C-alpha cells in the first residue's frame, strides 16, 4: 500500500498565537494566482515555502487576516473540515 504524505505549511502569524484555519494547498496557490504580481509575492513570503507542484499534498495554516487578504476565508471548500477546531 502506498503511503500518502501531507506537508504542513503556515503563515508567519501562527507563532504569535493568531486564530486561523487549515486550507487546502491548491486553494492557496489558486488564490495567489488571482493577486497582482507584487501582492502575490508579498503574501507568498508570509507562508513557509513549498513547491507549487506539491500543492495537492500541502495543507496551509493561515491566520484569519491572511485568509481574508487572499479572499479564501469565505470559501468553505478551501478549509479542511477535519483540521478545524
N, C-alpha and C. Protein backbone atom coordinates (compact mmCIF):
# COMPACT_ATOMS: atom_id res chain seq x y z
N UNK A 1 0.84 -1.18 0.00
CA UNK A 1 0.00 0.00 0.00
C UNK A 1 0.88 1.25 0.00
N UNK A 2 0.55 2.18 -0.87
CA UNK A 2 1.34 3.40 -1.00
C UNK A 2 0.98 4.39 0.11
N UNK A 3 1.99 4.97 0.75
CA UNK A 3 1.76 5.94 1.82
C UNK A 3 1.41 7.30 1.23
N UNK A 4 0.47 7.97 1.85
CA UNK A 4 0.09 9.32 1.47
C UNK A 4 0.81 10.29 2.41
N UNK A 5 1.56 11.22 1.85
CA UNK A 5 2.27 12.21 2.65
C UNK A 5 1.59 13.55 2.50
N UNK A 6 1.40 14.23 3.62
CA UNK A 6 0.88 15.59 3.62
C UNK A 6 1.95 16.49 4.22
N UNK A 7 2.18 17.59 3.56
CA UNK A 7 3.14 18.57 4.04
C UNK A 7 2.37 19.70 4.70
N UNK A 8 2.85 20.19 5.82
CA UNK A 8 2.20 21.28 6.53
C UNK A 8 3.02 22.54 6.40
N UNK A 9 2.34 23.63 6.05
CA UNK A 9 2.97 24.94 5.97
C UNK A 9 2.09 25.91 6.75
N UNK A 10 2.65 27.06 7.10
CA UNK A 10 1.88 28.01 7.91
C UNK A 10 2.34 29.44 7.65
N UNK A 11 1.45 30.37 7.95
CA UNK A 11 1.83 31.78 7.81
C UNK A 11 2.63 32.20 9.04
N UNK A 12 3.30 33.32 8.93
CA UNK A 12 4.19 33.79 9.99
C UNK A 12 3.46 34.17 11.27
N UNK A 13 2.15 34.32 11.20
CA UNK A 13 1.38 34.76 12.36
C UNK A 13 1.02 33.64 13.32
N UNK A 14 1.28 32.41 12.95
CA UNK A 14 0.91 31.28 13.82
C UNK A 14 1.70 31.31 15.12
N UNK A 15 2.97 31.64 15.03
CA UNK A 15 3.82 31.69 16.22
C UNK A 15 3.37 32.76 17.21
N UNK A 16 2.63 33.73 16.73
CA UNK A 16 2.16 34.82 17.59
C UNK A 16 0.81 34.51 18.24
N UNK A 17 0.32 33.28 18.02
CA UNK A 17 -0.91 32.86 18.65
C UNK A 17 -2.18 33.32 17.97
N UNK A 18 -2.10 33.71 16.71
CA UNK A 18 -3.28 34.17 15.98
C UNK A 18 -4.24 33.01 15.74
N UNK A 19 -5.50 33.34 15.59
CA UNK A 19 -6.53 32.35 15.30
C UNK A 19 -6.57 32.12 13.79
N UNK A 20 -6.75 30.89 13.36
CA UNK A 20 -6.78 30.61 11.93
C UNK A 20 -7.35 29.25 11.62
N UNK A 21 -7.23 28.87 10.35
CA UNK A 21 -7.73 27.59 9.86
C UNK A 21 -6.71 26.96 8.92
N UNK A 22 -6.90 25.68 8.66
CA UNK A 22 -6.04 24.95 7.74
C UNK A 22 -6.75 24.87 6.39
N UNK A 23 -6.03 25.24 5.34
CA UNK A 23 -6.58 25.29 3.99
C UNK A 23 -5.88 24.32 3.06
N UNK A 24 -6.59 23.87 2.08
CA UNK A 24 -6.05 23.02 1.03
C UNK A 24 -4.99 23.80 0.26
N UNK A 25 -3.85 23.20 0.00
CA UNK A 25 -2.76 23.87 -0.71
C UNK A 25 -3.13 24.36 -2.10
N UNK A 26 -4.00 23.63 -2.78
CA UNK A 26 -4.44 24.05 -4.12
C UNK A 26 -5.21 25.36 -4.06
N UNK A 27 -6.07 25.52 -3.07
CA UNK A 27 -6.82 26.75 -2.93
C UNK A 27 -5.90 27.92 -2.62
N UNK A 28 -4.86 27.67 -1.82
CA UNK A 28 -3.88 28.70 -1.51
C UNK A 28 -3.17 29.17 -2.78
N UNK A 29 -2.69 28.23 -3.59
CA UNK A 29 -1.99 28.58 -4.83
C UNK A 29 -2.92 29.30 -5.80
N UNK A 30 -4.14 28.83 -5.94
CA UNK A 30 -5.10 29.49 -6.83
C UNK A 30 -5.40 30.91 -6.36
N UNK A 31 -5.49 31.11 -5.05
CA UNK A 31 -5.73 32.45 -4.51
C UNK A 31 -4.55 33.36 -4.80
N UNK A 32 -3.33 32.84 -4.68
CA UNK A 32 -2.14 33.64 -5.01
C UNK A 32 -2.15 34.05 -6.48
N UNK A 33 -2.56 33.15 -7.34
CA UNK A 33 -2.56 33.43 -8.78
C UNK A 33 -3.55 34.52 -9.16
N UNK A 34 -4.56 34.75 -8.33
CA UNK A 34 -5.53 35.80 -8.61
C UNK A 34 -5.03 37.19 -8.21
N UNK A 35 -3.96 37.25 -7.42
CA UNK A 35 -3.43 38.53 -6.96
C UNK A 35 -2.51 39.15 -8.01
N UNK A 36 -2.31 40.46 -7.90
CA UNK A 36 -1.31 41.14 -8.72
C UNK A 36 0.07 40.63 -8.32
N UNK A 37 1.03 40.73 -9.23
CA UNK A 37 2.36 40.16 -9.01
C UNK A 37 3.01 40.52 -7.69
N UNK A 38 3.12 41.80 -7.38
CA UNK A 38 3.79 42.22 -6.15
C UNK A 38 3.01 41.78 -4.90
N UNK A 39 1.68 41.81 -4.99
CA UNK A 39 0.86 41.36 -3.86
C UNK A 39 1.01 39.86 -3.64
N UNK A 40 1.10 39.10 -4.72
CA UNK A 40 1.28 37.64 -4.62
C UNK A 40 2.63 37.30 -3.99
N UNK A 41 3.66 38.02 -4.39
CA UNK A 41 5.00 37.79 -3.82
C UNK A 41 5.00 38.11 -2.33
N UNK A 42 4.36 39.22 -1.97
CA UNK A 42 4.30 39.62 -0.57
C UNK A 42 3.57 38.57 0.26
N UNK A 43 2.42 38.10 -0.23
CA UNK A 43 1.66 37.08 0.50
C UNK A 43 2.40 35.75 0.57
N UNK A 44 2.98 35.33 -0.54
CA UNK A 44 3.72 34.06 -0.55
C UNK A 44 4.88 34.11 0.45
N UNK A 45 5.46 35.29 0.64
CA UNK A 45 6.56 35.44 1.59
C UNK A 45 6.13 35.27 3.04
N UNK A 46 4.82 35.33 3.31
CA UNK A 46 4.31 35.17 4.67
C UNK A 46 4.11 33.70 5.04
N UNK A 47 4.22 32.81 4.06
CA UNK A 47 3.94 31.39 4.28
C UNK A 47 5.21 30.58 4.06
N UNK A 48 5.39 29.56 4.88
CA UNK A 48 6.52 28.67 4.72
C UNK A 48 6.54 28.17 3.28
N UNK A 49 7.67 28.29 2.58
CA UNK A 49 7.70 27.95 1.15
C UNK A 49 7.48 26.47 0.85
N UNK A 50 6.91 26.23 -0.33
CA UNK A 50 6.78 24.88 -0.86
C UNK A 50 6.68 24.97 -2.38
N UNK A 51 7.01 23.88 -3.04
CA UNK A 51 6.89 23.83 -4.49
C UNK A 51 5.42 23.72 -4.86
N UNK A 52 4.98 24.53 -5.80
CA UNK A 52 3.57 24.55 -6.18
C UNK A 52 3.12 23.20 -6.72
N UNK A 53 4.01 22.44 -7.29
CA UNK A 53 3.64 21.12 -7.80
C UNK A 53 3.20 20.21 -6.65
N UNK A 54 3.65 20.52 -5.43
CA UNK A 54 3.28 19.73 -4.25
C UNK A 54 1.96 20.19 -3.63
N UNK A 55 1.35 21.23 -4.17
CA UNK A 55 0.15 21.82 -3.57
C UNK A 55 -0.95 20.80 -3.25
N UNK A 56 -1.19 19.80 -4.07
CA UNK A 56 -2.24 18.82 -3.71
C UNK A 56 -1.94 18.05 -2.42
N UNK A 57 -0.68 18.02 -2.03
CA UNK A 57 -0.28 17.29 -0.82
C UNK A 57 0.11 18.23 0.31
N UNK A 58 -0.26 19.50 0.19
CA UNK A 58 0.11 20.50 1.19
C UNK A 58 -1.14 21.04 1.87
N UNK A 59 -1.07 21.20 3.17
CA UNK A 59 -2.09 21.93 3.91
C UNK A 59 -1.42 23.19 4.46
N UNK A 60 -2.12 24.30 4.35
CA UNK A 60 -1.56 25.59 4.74
C UNK A 60 -2.41 26.19 5.85
N UNK A 61 -1.78 26.43 7.00
CA UNK A 61 -2.47 27.11 8.09
C UNK A 61 -2.33 28.61 7.85
N UNK A 62 -3.47 29.30 7.81
CA UNK A 62 -3.47 30.75 7.63
C UNK A 62 -4.25 31.40 8.76
N UNK A 63 -3.72 32.51 9.26
CA UNK A 63 -4.47 33.29 10.24
C UNK A 63 -5.67 33.91 9.53
N UNK A 64 -6.59 34.41 10.29
CA UNK A 64 -7.81 34.99 9.71
C UNK A 64 -7.49 36.17 8.78
N UNK A 65 -6.50 37.00 9.14
CA UNK A 65 -6.16 38.16 8.31
C UNK A 65 -5.56 37.74 6.98
N UNK A 66 -4.65 36.77 6.98
CA UNK A 66 -4.04 36.31 5.72
C UNK A 66 -5.09 35.64 4.83
N UNK A 67 -5.98 34.86 5.43
CA UNK A 67 -7.04 34.21 4.65
C UNK A 67 -7.96 35.26 4.03
N UNK A 68 -8.26 36.31 4.78
CA UNK A 68 -9.12 37.38 4.26
C UNK A 68 -8.41 38.13 3.14
N UNK A 69 -7.12 38.35 3.29
CA UNK A 69 -6.34 39.03 2.25
C UNK A 69 -6.35 38.23 0.94
N UNK A 70 -6.39 36.92 1.06
CA UNK A 70 -6.44 36.04 -0.11
C UNK A 70 -7.86 35.78 -0.60
N UNK A 71 -8.83 36.25 0.17
CA UNK A 71 -10.25 36.04 -0.15
C UNK A 71 -10.62 34.56 -0.19
N UNK A 72 -9.99 33.77 0.68
CA UNK A 72 -10.38 32.35 0.74
C UNK A 72 -11.07 32.03 2.06
N UNK A 73 -11.17 33.01 2.94
CA UNK A 73 -11.84 32.75 4.23
C UNK A 73 -13.33 32.50 4.03
N UNK A 74 -13.88 32.96 2.91
CA UNK A 74 -15.30 32.76 2.65
C UNK A 74 -15.55 31.62 1.67
N UNK A 75 -14.54 30.80 1.42
CA UNK A 75 -14.68 29.65 0.52
C UNK A 75 -14.68 28.37 1.36
N UNK A 76 -15.85 27.87 1.74
CA UNK A 76 -15.91 26.73 2.65
C UNK A 76 -15.17 25.49 2.17
N UNK A 77 -15.11 25.28 0.85
CA UNK A 77 -14.40 24.10 0.34
C UNK A 77 -12.89 24.21 0.56
N UNK A 78 -12.38 25.43 0.73
CA UNK A 78 -10.94 25.62 0.90
C UNK A 78 -10.48 25.16 2.27
N UNK A 79 -11.36 25.23 3.27
CA UNK A 79 -11.00 24.86 4.63
C UNK A 79 -11.10 23.35 4.78
N UNK A 80 -10.09 22.76 5.34
CA UNK A 80 -10.10 21.32 5.58
C UNK A 80 -10.93 21.06 6.83
N UNK A 81 -12.08 20.44 6.68
CA UNK A 81 -13.02 20.25 7.77
C UNK A 81 -12.44 19.43 8.91
N UNK A 82 -11.65 18.42 8.63
CA UNK A 82 -11.08 17.59 9.68
C UNK A 82 -10.06 18.32 10.53
N UNK A 83 -9.53 19.41 10.00
CA UNK A 83 -8.50 20.15 10.72
C UNK A 83 -9.06 21.29 11.55
N UNK A 84 -10.33 21.60 11.37
CA UNK A 84 -10.94 22.70 12.12
C UNK A 84 -11.04 22.35 13.60
N UNK A 85 -10.94 23.34 14.43
CA UNK A 85 -11.06 23.13 15.87
C UNK A 85 -12.45 23.43 16.33
